[in-house]
Amino acid sequence: MNIREAKGYTYSPRSSVNALRQHGYFSVSAAVRNEVVAASLTEIFYELDKLRSLPVPEPELADAQNYLSGVFPWPCDTGWTPFASRYSCAERFAGRLSRNVS
């Protein structure tokens, strides 16, 4: 983000997506000085507008898909598998993976 690299307003800009069962939320945070709060918000909204309007570059999309295909089945490896007796991990996650990562 510009508030770190170009402007030097903060060392700690963060964003996260919190997916819940029916809804979710996206959050952005940064520890900035009082003098640059307004300028930081302007830059954050500028970056969010860019994310919304520009397509994701193909290499970046491929990286995200590869990452998700590697971590998506983790619940099977944790020992917390309430449906393990009914379905194998491969059966349960293969369909979800193809629907949600492509």
PDB file of N, CA and C in Angstrom:
ATOM      1  N   MET A   1       0.824  -1.185   0.000  1.00  0.00           N
ATOM      2  CA  MET A   1       0.000   0.000   0.000  1.00  0.00           C
ATOM      3  C   MET A   1       0.872   1.254   0.000  1.00  0.00           C
ATOM      4  N   ASN A   2       0.324   2.274  -0.551  1.00  0.00           N
ATOM      5  CA  ASN A   2       1.042   3.547  -0.607  1.00  0.00           C
ATOM      6  C   ASN A   2       1.360   4.116   0.761  1.00  0.00           C
ATOM      7  N   ILE A   3       0.538   3.828   1.769  1.00  0.00           N
ATOM      8  CA  ILE A   3       0.770   4.446   3.077  1.00  0.00           C
ATOM      9  C   ILE A   3       2.041   3.940   3.733  1.00  0.00           C
ATOM     10  N   ARG A   4       2.539   2.816   3.262  1.00  0.00           N
ATOM     11  CA  ARG A   4       3.811   2.330   3.811  1.00  0.00           C
ATOM     12  C   ARG A   4       4.968   2.651   2.884  1.00  0.00           C
ATOM     13  N   GLU A   5       4.911   2.141   1.655  1.00  0.00           N
ATOM     14  CA  GLU A   5       6.061   2.261   0.761  1.00  0.00           C
ATOM     15  C   GLU A   5       6.299   3.681   0.261  1.00  0.00           C
ATOM     16  N   ALA A   6       5.263   4.322  -0.248  1.00  0.00           N
ATOM     17  CA  ALA A   6       5.455   5.637  -0.860  1.00  0.00           C
ATOM     18  C   ALA A   6       5.380   6.784   0.145  1.00  0.00           C
ATOM     19  N   LYS A   7       4.444   6.710   1.068  1.00  0.00           N
ATOM     20  CA  LYS A   7       4.208   7.829   1.979  1.00  0.00           C
ATOM     21  C   LYS A   7       4.946   7.703   3.309  1.00  0.00           C
ATOM     22  N   GLY A   8       5.222   6.491   3.753  1.00  0.00           N
ATOM     23  CA  GLY A   8       5.905   6.298   5.019  1.00  0.00           C
ATOM     24  C   GLY A   8       5.052   6.628   6.238  1.00  0.00           C
ATOM     25  N   TYR A   9       3.726   6.517   6.122  1.00  0.00           N
ATOM     26  CA  TYR A   9       2.841   6.850   7.235  1.00  0.00           C
ATOM     27  C   TYR A   9       2.828   5.776   8.320  1.00  0.00           C
ATOM     28  N   THR A  10       3.115   4.547   7.961  1.00  0.00           N
ATOM     29  CA  THR A  10       3.006   3.447   8.923  1.00  0.00           C
ATOM     30  C   THR A  10       3.896   2.288   8.505  1.00  0.00           C
ATOM     31  N   TYR A  11       4.227   1.435   9.461  1.00  0.00           N
ATOM     32  CA  TYR A  11       4.924   0.195   9.168  1.00  0.00           C
ATOM     33  C   TYR A  11       3.985  -0.993   9.282  1.00  0.00           C
ATOM     34  N   SER A  12       2.726  -0.741   9.623  1.00  0.00           N
ATOM     35  CA  SER A  12       1.850  -1.856   9.961  1.00  0.00           C
ATOM     36  C   SER A  12       0.514  -1.885   9.228  1.00  0.00           C
ATOM     37  N   PRO A  13       0.443  -1.583   7.939  1.00  0.00           N
ATOM     38  CA  PRO A  13      -0.867  -1.705   7.290  1.00  0.00           C
ATOM     39  C   PRO A  13      -1.250  -3.181   7.180  1.00  0.00           C
ATOM     40  N   ARG A  14      -2.515  -3.472   7.458  1.00  0.00           N
ATOM     41  CA  ARG A  14      -2.997  -4.855   7.403  1.00  0.00           C
ATOM     42  C   ARG A  14      -4.383  -4.890   6.788  1.00  0.00           C
ATOM     43  N   SER A  15      -4.685  -6.002   6.175  1.00  0.00           N
ATOM     44  CA  SER A  15      -6.055  -6.249   5.734  1.00  0.00           C
ATOM     45  C   SER A  15      -6.349  -7.723   5.949  1.00  0.00           C
ATOM     46  N   SER A  16      -7.616  -8.022   6.110  1.00  0.00           N
ATOM     47  CA  SER A  16      -7.993  -9.421   6.286  1.00  0.00           C
ATOM     48  C   SER A  16      -9.411  -9.633   5.800  1.00  0.00           C
ATOM     49  N   VAL A  17      -9.677 -10.855   5.414  1.00  0.00           N
ATOM     50  CA  VAL A  17     -11.017 -11.287   5.034  1.00  0.00           C
ATOM     51  C   VAL A  17     -11.430 -12.325   6.056  1.00  0.00           C
ATOM     52  N   ASN A  18     -12.557 -12.111   6.662  1.00  0.00           N
ATOM     53  CA  ASN A  18     -13.080 -13.041   7.659  1.00  0.00           C
ATOM     54  C   ASN A  18     -14.363 -13.641   7.110  1.00  0.00           C
ATOM     55  N   ALA A  19     -14.248 -14.860   6.619  1.00  0.00           N
ATOM     56  CA  ALA A  19     -15.392 -15.544   6.021  1.00  0.00           C
ATOM     57  C   ALA A  19     -16.140 -16.297   7.106  1.00  0.00           C
ATOM     58  N   LEU A  20     -17.393 -15.976   7.261  1.00  0.00           N
ATOM     59  CA  LEU A  20     -18.247 -16.657   8.216  1.00  0.00           C
ATOM     60  C   LEU A  20     -19.236 -17.533   7.449  1.00  0.00           C
ATOM     61  N   ARG A  21     -20.014 -18.297   8.152  1.00  0.00           N
ATOM     62  CA  ARG A  21     -20.915 -19.249   7.491  1.00  0.00           C
ATOM     63  C   ARG A  21     -21.858 -18.560   6.507  1.00  0.00           C
ATOM     64  N   GLN A  22     -22.531 -17.507   6.909  1.00  0.00           N
ATOM     65  CA  GLN A  22     -23.482 -16.849   6.021  1.00  0.00           C
ATOM     66  C   GLN A  22     -22.994 -15.494   5.509  1.00  0.00           C
ATOM     67  N   HIS A  23     -22.185 -14.845   6.260  1.00  0.00           N
ATOM     68  CA  HIS A  23     -21.695 -13.525   5.892  1.00  0.00           C
ATOM     69  C   HIS A  23     -20.210 -13.467   6.220  1.00  0.00           C
ATOM     70  N   GLY A  24     -19.618 -12.377   5.935  1.00  0.00           N
ATOM     71  CA  GLY A  24     -18.228 -12.187   6.282  1.00  0.00           C
ATOM     72  C   GLY A  24     -17.902 -10.715   6.217  1.00  0.00           C
ATOM     73  N   TYR A  25     -16.662 -10.396   6.503  1.00  0.00           N
ATOM     74  CA  TYR A  25     -16.287  -9.005   6.415  1.00  0.00           C
ATOM     75  C   TYR A  25     -14.810  -8.875   6.054  1.00  0.00           C
ATOM     76  N   PHE A  26     -14.509  -7.732   5.489  1.00  0.00           N
ATOM     77  CA  PHE A  26     -13.161  -7.360   5.088  1.00  0.00           C
ATOM     78  C   PHE A  26     -12.762  -6.182   5.961  1.00  0.00           C
ATOM     79  N   SER A  27     -11.556  -6.211   6.492  1.00  0.00           N
ATOM     80  CA  SER A  27     -11.122  -5.098   7.327  1.00  0.00           C
ATOM     81  C   SER A  27      -9.723  -4.639   6.924  1.00  0.00           C
ATOM     82  N   VAL A  28      -9.481  -3.367   7.150  1.00  0.00           N
ATOM     83  CA  VAL A  28      -8.182  -2.747   6.908  1.00  0.00           C
ATOM     84  C   VAL A  28      -7.818  -1.982   8.172  1.00  0.00           C
ATOM     85  N   SER A  29      -6.576  -2.103   8.593  1.00  0.00           N
ATOM     86  CA  SER A  29      -6.133  -1.347   9.758  1.00  0.00           C
ATOM     87  C   SER A  29      -4.688  -0.904   9.573  1.00  0.00           C
ATOM     88  N   ALA A  30      -4.344   0.161  10.281  1.00  0.00           N
ATOM     89  CA  ALA A  30      -2.973   0.668  10.263  1.00  0.00           C
ATOM     90  C   ALA A  30      -2.796   1.589  11.460  1.00  0.00           C
ATOM     91  N   ALA A  31      -1.657   1.509  12.073  1.00  0.00           N
ATOM     92  CA  ALA A  31      -1.324   2.419  13.165  1.00  0.00           C
ATOM     93  C   ALA A  31      -0.630   3.629  12.553  1.00  0.00           C
ATOM     94  N   VAL A  32      -1.319   4.764  12.578  1.00  0.00           N
ATOM     95  CA  VAL A  32      -0.759   5.988  11.988  1.00  0.00           C
ATOM     96  C   VAL A  32      -0.805   7.128  13.001  1.00  0.00           C
ATOM     97  N   ARG A  33       0.011   8.125  12.757  1.00  0.00           N
ATOM     98  CA  ARG A  33       0.017   9.320  13.606  1.00  0.00           C
ATOM     99  C   ARG A  33      -1.254  10.133  13.353  1.00  0.00           C
ATOM    100  N   ASN A  34      -1.683  10.888  14.342  1.00  0.00           N
ATOM    101  CA  ASN A  34      -2.893  11.715  14.212  1.00  0.00           C
ATOM    102  C   ASN A  34      -2.824  12.642  13.000  1.00  0.00           C
ATOM    103  N   GLU A  35      -1.637  13.170  12.736  1.00  0.00           N
ATOM    104  CA  GLU A  35      -1.493  14.139  11.641  1.00  0.00           C
ATOM    105  C   GLU A  35      -1.758  13.548  10.263  1.00  0.00           C
ATOM    106  N   VAL A  36      -1.659  12.233  10.110  1.00  0.00           N
ATOM    107  CA  VAL A  36      -1.804  11.629   8.782  1.00  0.00           C
ATOM    108  C   VAL A  36      -3.001  10.686   8.680  1.00  0.00           C
ATOM    109  N   VAL A  37      -3.931  10.777   9.614  1.00  0.00           N
ATOM    110  CA  VAL A  37      -5.115   9.906   9.561  1.00  0.00           C
ATOM    111  C   VAL A  37      -5.907  10.150   8.284  1.00  0.00           C
ATOM    112  N   ALA A  38      -6.235  11.395   7.991  1.00  0.00           N
ATOM    113  CA  ALA A  38      -7.038  11.706   6.802  1.00  0.00           C
ATOM    114  C   ALA A  38      -6.312  11.291   5.523  1.00  0.00           C
ATOM    115  N   ALA A  39      -5.037  11.607   5.434  1.00  0.00           N
ATOM    116  CA  ALA A  39      -4.266  11.233   4.244  1.00  0.00           C
ATOM    117  C   ALA A  39      -4.168   9.711   4.114  1.00  0.00           C
ATOM    118  N   SER A  40      -4.041   9.016   5.236  1.00  0.00           N
ATOM    119  CA  SER A  40      -3.970   7.550   5.209  1.00  0.00           C
ATOM    120  C   SER A  40      -5.278   6.957   4.722  1.00  0.00           C
ATOM    121  N   LEU A  41      -6.400   7.482   5.207  1.00  0.00           N
ATOM    122  CA  LEU A  41      -7.704   6.993   4.750  1.00  0.00           C
ATOM    123  C   LEU A  41      -7.894   7.239   3.257  1.00  0.00           C
ATOM    124  N   THR A  42      -7.449   8.388   2.788  1.00  0.00           N
ATOM    125  CA  THR A  42      -7.532   8.682   1.349  1.00  0.00           C
ATOM    126  C   THR A  42      -6.757   7.639   0.548  1.00  0.00           C
ATOM    127  N   GLU A  43      -5.558   7.311   0.984  1.00  0.00           N
ATOM    128  CA  GLU A  43      -4.735   6.316   0.289  1.00  0.00           C
ATOM    129  C   GLU A  43      -5.340   4.918   0.376  1.00  0.00           C
ATOM    130  N   ILE A  44      -5.885   4.571   1.534  1.00  0.00           N
ATOM    131  CA  ILE A  44      -6.509   3.248   1.692  1.00  0.00           C
ATOM    132  C   ILE A  44      -7.691   3.111   0.740  1.00  0.00           C
ATOM    133  N   PHE A  45      -8.554   4.132   0.675  1.00  0.00           N
ATOM    134  CA  PHE A  45      -9.697   4.060  -0.238  1.00  0.00           C
ATOM    135  C   PHE A  45      -9.251   4.054  -1.694  1.00  0.00           C
ATOM    136  N   TYR A  46      -8.176   4.754  -1.998  1.00  0.00           N
ATOM    137  CA  TYR A  46      -7.614   4.713  -3.353  1.00  0.00           C
ATOM    138  C   TYR A  46      -7.202   3.281  -3.713  1.00  0.00           C
ATOM    139  N   GLU A  47      -6.508   2.623  -2.800  1.00  0.00           N
ATOM    140  CA  GLU A  47      -6.071   1.243  -3.048  1.00  0.00           C
ATOM    141  C   GLU A  47      -7.260   0.297  -3.176  1.00  0.00           C
ATOM    142  N   LEU A  48      -8.272   0.476  -2.345  1.00  0.00           N
ATOM    143  CA  LEU A  48      -9.458  -0.372  -2.430  1.00  0.00           C
ATOM    144  C   LEU A  48     -10.186  -0.166  -3.753  1.00  0.00           C
ATOM    145  N   ASP A  49     -10.269   1.067  -4.219  1.00  0.00           N
ATOM    146  CA  ASP A  49     -10.877   1.328  -5.526  1.00  0.00           C
ATOM    147  C   ASP A  49     -10.106   0.646  -6.648  1.00  0.00           C
ATOM    148  N   LYS A  50      -8.765   0.653  -6.554  1.00  0.00           N
ATOM    149  CA  LYS A  50      -7.956  -0.051  -7.555  1.00  0.00           C
ATOM    150  C   LYS A  50      -8.242  -1.546  -7.531  1.00  0.00           C
ATOM    151  N   LEU A  51      -8.313  -2.132  -6.336  1.00  0.00           N
ATOM    152  CA  LEU A  51      -8.600  -3.563  -6.226  1.00  0.00           C
ATOM    153  C   LEU A  51      -9.941  -3.911  -6.852  1.00  0.00           C
ATOM    154  N   ARG A  52     -10.906  -3.033  -6.665  1.00  0.00           N
ATOM    155  CA  ARG A  52     -12.239  -3.291  -7.186  1.00  0.00           C
ATOM    156  C   ARG A  52     -12.318  -3.133  -8.704  1.00  0.00           C
ATOM    157  N   SER A  53     -11.538  -2.234  -9.270  1.00  0.00           N
ATOM    158  CA  SER A  53     -11.700  -1.909 -10.686  1.00  0.00           C
ATOM    159  C   SER A  53     -10.714  -2.601 -11.627  1.00  0.00           C
ATOM    160  N   LEU A  54      -9.573  -3.042 -11.137  1.00  0.00           N
ATOM    161  CA  LEU A  54      -8.577  -3.668 -12.009  1.00  0.00           C
ATOM    162  C   LEU A  54      -8.643  -5.190 -11.895  1.00  0.00           C
ATOM    163  N   PRO A  55      -8.438  -5.900 -12.986  1.00  0.00           N
ATOM    164  CA  PRO A  55      -8.431  -7.371 -12.899  1.00  0.00           C
ATOM    165  C   PRO A  55      -7.193  -7.864 -12.145  1.00  0.00           C
ATOM    166  N   VAL A  56      -7.326  -9.019 -11.546  1.00  0.00           N
ATOM    167  CA  VAL A  56      -6.196  -9.633 -10.847  1.00  0.00           C
ATOM    168  C   VAL A  56      -5.222 -10.142 -11.903  1.00  0.00           C
ATOM    169  N   PRO A  57      -3.936  -9.796 -11.806  1.00  0.00           N
ATOM    170  CA  PRO A  57      -2.964 -10.310 -12.787  1.00  0.00           C
ATOM    171  C   PRO A  57      -2.931 -11.843 -12.746  1.00  0.00           C
ATOM    172  N   GLU A  58      -2.807 -12.444 -13.893  1.00  0.00           N
ATOM    173  CA  GLU A  58      -2.848 -13.907 -14.009  1.00  0.00           C
ATOM    174  C   GLU A  58      -1.850 -14.620 -13.092  1.00  0.00           C
ATOM    175  N   PRO A  59      -0.585 -14.180 -13.002  1.00  0.00           N
ATOM    176  CA  PRO A  59       0.349 -14.873 -12.099  1.00  0.00           C
ATOM    177  C   PRO A  59      -0.085 -14.797 -10.633  1.00  0.00           C
ATOM    178  N   GLU A  60      -0.640 -13.663 -10.228  1.00  0.00           N
ATOM    179  CA  GLU A  60      -1.097 -13.513  -8.849  1.00  0.00           C
ATOM    180  C   GLU A  60      -2.298 -14.416  -8.562  1.00  0.00           C
ATOM    181  N   LEU A  61      -3.202 -14.517  -9.523  1.00  0.00           N
ATOM    182  CA  LEU A  61      -4.355 -15.407  -9.384  1.00  0.00           C
ATOM    183  C   LEU A  61      -3.909 -16.862  -9.301  1.00  0.00           C
ATOM    184  N   ALA A  62      -2.961 -17.250 -10.131  1.00  0.00           N
ATOM    185  CA  ALA A  62      -2.449 -18.628 -10.105  1.00  0.00           C
ATOM    186  C   ALA A  62      -1.783 -18.932  -8.764  1.00  0.00           C
ATOM    187  N   ASP A  63      -1.030 -17.988  -8.227  1.00  0.00           N
ATOM    188  CA  ASP A  63      -0.407 -18.186  -6.910  1.00  0.00           C
ATOM    189  C   ASP A  63      -1.461 -18.404  -5.832  1.00  0.00           C
ATOM    190  N   ALA A  64      -2.515 -17.589  -5.856  1.00  0.00           N
ATOM    191  CA  ALA A  64      -3.583 -17.723  -4.851  1.00  0.00           C
ATOM    192  C   ALA A  64      -4.297 -19.064  -4.997  1.00  0.00           C
ATOM    193  N   GLN A  65      -4.563 -19.490  -6.224  1.00  0.00           N
ATOM    194  CA  GLN A  65      -5.227 -20.778  -6.439  1.00  0.00           C
ATOM    195  C   GLN A  65      -4.348 -21.933  -5.970  1.00  0.00           C
ATOM    196  N   ASN A  66      -3.065 -21.859  -6.250  1.00  0.00           N
ATOM    197  CA  ASN A  66      -2.146 -22.906  -5.789  1.00  0.00           C
ATOM    198  C   ASN A  66      -2.088 -22.961  -4.274  1.00  0.00           C
ATOM    199  N   TYR A  67      -2.043 -21.807  -3.636  1.00  0.00           N
ATOM    200  CA  TYR A  67      -2.021 -21.758  -2.176  1.00  0.00           C
ATOM    201  C   TYR A  67      -3.283 -22.387  -1.599  1.00  0.00           C
ATOM    202  N   LEU A  68      -4.445 -21.986  -2.125  1.00  0.00           N
ATOM    203  CA  LEU A  68      -5.704 -22.513  -1.599  1.00  0.00           C
ATOM    204  C   LEU A  68      -5.845 -24.013  -1.824  1.00  0.00           C
ATOM    205  N   SER A  69      -5.361 -24.499  -2.947  1.00  0.00           N
ATOM    206  CA  SER A  69      -5.463 -25.940  -3.182  1.00  0.00           C
ATOM    207  C   SER A  69      -4.575 -26.715  -2.219  1.00  0.00           C
ATOM    208  N   GLY A  70      -3.560 -26.071  -1.669  1.00  0.00           N
ATOM    209  CA  GLY A  70      -2.698 -26.738  -0.699  1.00  0.00           C
ATOM    210  C   GLY A  70      -3.227 -26.690   0.718  1.00  0.00           C
ATOM    211  N   VAL A  71      -3.904 -25.605   1.100  1.00  0.00           N
ATOM    212  CA  VAL A  71      -4.371 -25.476   2.482  1.00  0.00           C
ATOM    213  C   VAL A  71      -5.829 -25.848   2.671  1.00  0.00           C
ATOM    214  N   PHE A  72      -6.598 -25.925   1.619  1.00  0.00           N
ATOM    215  CA  PHE A  72      -8.026 -26.191   1.742  1.00  0.00           C
ATOM    216  C   PHE A  72      -8.325 -27.507   2.458  1.00  0.00           C
ATOM    217  N   PRO A  73      -7.587 -28.592   2.198  1.00  0.00           N
ATOM    218  CA  PRO A  73      -7.900 -29.861   2.872  1.00  0.00           C
ATOM    219  C   PRO A  73      -7.347 -30.003   4.282  1.00  0.00           C
ATOM    220  N   TRP A  74      -6.751 -28.976   4.875  1.00  0.00           N
ATOM    221  CA  TRP A  74      -6.137 -29.108   6.192  1.00  0.00           C
ATOM    222  C   TRP A  74      -7.045 -29.664   7.277  1.00  0.00           C
ATOM    223  N   PRO A  75      -8.331 -29.355   7.301  1.00  0.00           N
ATOM    224  CA  PRO A  75      -9.150 -29.930   8.372  1.00  0.00           C
ATOM    225  C   PRO A  75      -9.065 -31.448   8.454  1.00  0.00           C
ATOM    226  N   CYS A  76      -8.767 -32.100   7.359  1.00  0.00           N
ATOM    227  CA  CYS A  76      -8.623 -33.562   7.382  1.00  0.00           C
ATOM    228  C   CYS A  76      -7.373 -33.981   8.148  1.00  0.00           C
ATOM    229  N   ASP A  77      -6.383 -33.128   8.188  1.00  0.00           N
ATOM    230  CA  ASP A  77      -5.111 -33.479   8.813  1.00  0.00           C
ATOM    231  C   ASP A  77      -5.035 -33.122  10.292  1.00  0.00           C
ATOM    232  N   THR A  78      -6.032 -32.447  10.814  1.00  0.00           N
ATOM    233  CA  THR A  78      -5.949 -31.965  12.189  1.00  0.00           C
ATOM    234  C   THR A  78      -6.494 -32.949  13.206  1.00  0.00           C
ATOM    235  N   GLY A  79      -7.152 -33.982  12.751  1.00  0.00           N
ATOM    236  CA  GLY A  79      -7.794 -34.895  13.680  1.00  0.00           C
ATOM    237  C   GLY A  79      -9.217 -34.485  13.981  1.00  0.00           C
ATOM    238  N   TRP A  80      -9.611 -33.298  13.559  1.00  0.00           N
ATOM    239  CA  TRP A  80     -10.978 -32.835  13.763  1.00  0.00           C
ATOM    240  C   TRP A  80     -11.759 -33.100  12.489  1.00  0.00           C
ATOM    241  N   THR A  81     -12.277 -34.288  12.382  1.00  0.00           N
ATOM    242  CA  THR A  81     -13.019 -34.668  11.181  1.00  0.00           C
ATOM    243  C   THR A  81     -14.338 -35.318  11.590  1.00  0.00           C
ATOM    244  N   PRO A  82     -15.352 -34.526  11.895  1.00  0.00           N
ATOM    245  CA  PRO A  82     -16.612 -35.084  12.365  1.00  0.00           C
ATOM    246  C   PRO A  82     -17.312 -35.974  11.356  1.00  0.00           C
ATOM    247  N   PHE A  83     -17.016 -35.811  10.066  1.00  0.00           N
ATOM    248  CA  PHE A  83     -17.673 -36.626   9.057  1.00  0.00           C
ATOM    249  C   PHE A  83     -16.750 -37.690   8.475  1.00  0.00           C
ATOM    250  N   ALA A  84     -15.652 -37.929   9.141  1.00  0.00           N
ATOM    251  CA  ALA A  84     -14.649 -38.855   8.609  1.00  0.00           C
ATOM    252  C   ALA A  84     -15.227 -40.242   8.378  1.00  0.00           C
ATOM    253  N   SER A  85     -16.125 -40.659   9.230  1.00  0.00           N
ATOM    254  CA  SER A  85     -16.674 -42.002   9.056  1.00  0.00           C
ATOM    255  C   SER A  85     -17.621 -42.078   7.869  1.00  0.00           C
ATOM    256  N   ARG A  86     -18.146 -40.937   7.444  1.00  0.00           N
ATOM    257  CA  ARG A  86     -19.120 -40.941   6.363  1.00  0.00           C
ATOM    258  C   ARG A  86     -18.485 -40.751   4.988  1.00  0.00           C
ATOM    259  N   TYR A  87     -17.503 -39.893   4.918  1.00  0.00           N
ATOM    260  CA  TYR A  87     -16.851 -39.592   3.647  1.00  0.00           C
ATOM    261  C   TYR A  87     -15.347 -39.560   3.857  1.00  0.00           C
ATOM    262  N   SER A  88     -14.618 -39.890   2.837  1.00  0.00           N
ATOM    263  CA  SER A  88     -13.169 -39.716   2.928  1.00  0.00           C
ATOM    264  C   SER A  88     -12.852 -38.236   2.722  1.00  0.00           C
ATOM    265  N   CYS A  89     -11.715 -37.824   3.201  1.00  0.00           N
ATOM    266  CA  CYS A  89     -11.320 -36.422   3.026  1.00  0.00           C
ATOM    267  C   CYS A  89     -11.277 -36.040   1.560  1.00  0.00           C
ATOM    268  N   ALA A  90     -10.762 -36.911   0.754  1.00  0.00           N
ATOM    269  CA  ALA A  90     -10.662 -36.605  -0.675  1.00  0.00           C
ATOM    270  C   ALA A  90     -12.037 -36.367  -1.281  1.00  0.00           C
ATOM    271  N   GLU A  91     -13.005 -37.197  -0.914  1.00  0.00           N
ATOM    272  CA  GLU A  91     -14.349 -37.025  -1.459  1.00  0.00           C
ATOM    273  C   GLU A  91     -14.981 -35.723  -0.992  1.00  0.00           C
ATOM    274  N   ARG A  92     -14.796 -35.388   0.276  1.00  0.00           N
ATOM    275  CA  ARG A  92     -15.417 -34.189   0.827  1.00  0.00           C
ATOM    276  C   ARG A  92     -14.825 -32.921   0.253  1.00  0.00           C
ATOM    277  N   PHE A  93     -13.517 -32.892   0.090  1.00  0.00           N
ATOM    278  CA  PHE A  93     -12.885 -31.648  -0.306  1.00  0.00           C
ATOM    279  C   PHE A  93     -12.684 -31.500  -1.809  1.00  0.00           C
ATOM    280  N   ALA A  94     -12.725 -32.569  -2.548  1.00  0.00           N
ATOM    281  CA  ALA A  94     -12.519 -32.460  -4.005  1.00  0.00           C
ATOM    282  C   ALA A  94     -13.589 -31.594  -4.636  1.00  0.00           C
ATOM    283  N   GLY A  95     -14.844 -31.797  -4.285  1.00  0.00           N
ATOM    284  CA  GLY A  95     -15.921 -31.002  -4.855  1.00  0.00           C
ATOM    285  C   GLY A  95     -15.857 -29.550  -4.420  1.00  0.00           C
ATOM    286  N   ARG A  96     -15.609 -29.303  -3.136  1.00  0.00           N
ATOM    287  CA  ARG A  96     -15.501 -27.940  -2.638  1.00  0.00           C
ATOM    288  C   ARG A  96     -14.339 -27.202  -3.276  1.00  0.00           C
ATOM    289  N   LEU A  97     -13.234 -27.905  -3.416  1.00  0.00           N
ATOM    290  CA  LEU A  97     -12.043 -27.283  -3.981  1.00  0.00           C
ATOM    291  C   LEU A  97     -12.310 -26.825  -5.407  1.00  0.00           C
ATOM    292  N   SER A  98     -12.888 -27.686  -6.218  1.00  0.00           N
ATOM    293  CA  SER A  98     -13.116 -27.325  -7.610  1.00  0.00           C
ATOM    294  C   SER A  98     -14.137 -26.205  -7.732  1.00  0.00           C
ATOM    295  N   ARG A  99     -15.129 -26.142  -6.839  1.00  0.00           N
ATOM    296  CA  ARG A  99     -16.136 -25.068  -6.895  1.00  0.00           C
ATOM    297  C   ARG A  99     -15.591 -23.738  -6.400  1.00  0.00           C
ATOM    298  N   ASN A 100     -14.733 -23.760  -5.415  1.00  0.00           N
ATOM    299  CA  ASN A 100     -14.345 -22.518  -4.733  1.00  0.00           C
ATOM    300  C   ASN A 100     -13.000 -21.940  -5.145  1.00  0.00           C
ATOM    301  N   VAL A 101     -12.148 -22.708  -5.770  1.00  0.00           N
ATOM    302  CA  VAL A 101     -10.808 -22.206  -6.100  1.00  0.00           C
ATOM    303  C   VAL A 101     -10.671 -21.858  -7.562  1.00  0.00           C
ATOM    304  N   SER A 102     -11.507 -22.369  -8.406  1.00  0.00           N
ATOM    305  CA  SER A 102     -11.360 -22.088  -9.847  1.00  0.00           C
ATOM    306  C   SER A 102     -11.892 -20.739 -10.223  1.00  0.00           C
TER     307      SER A 102
END
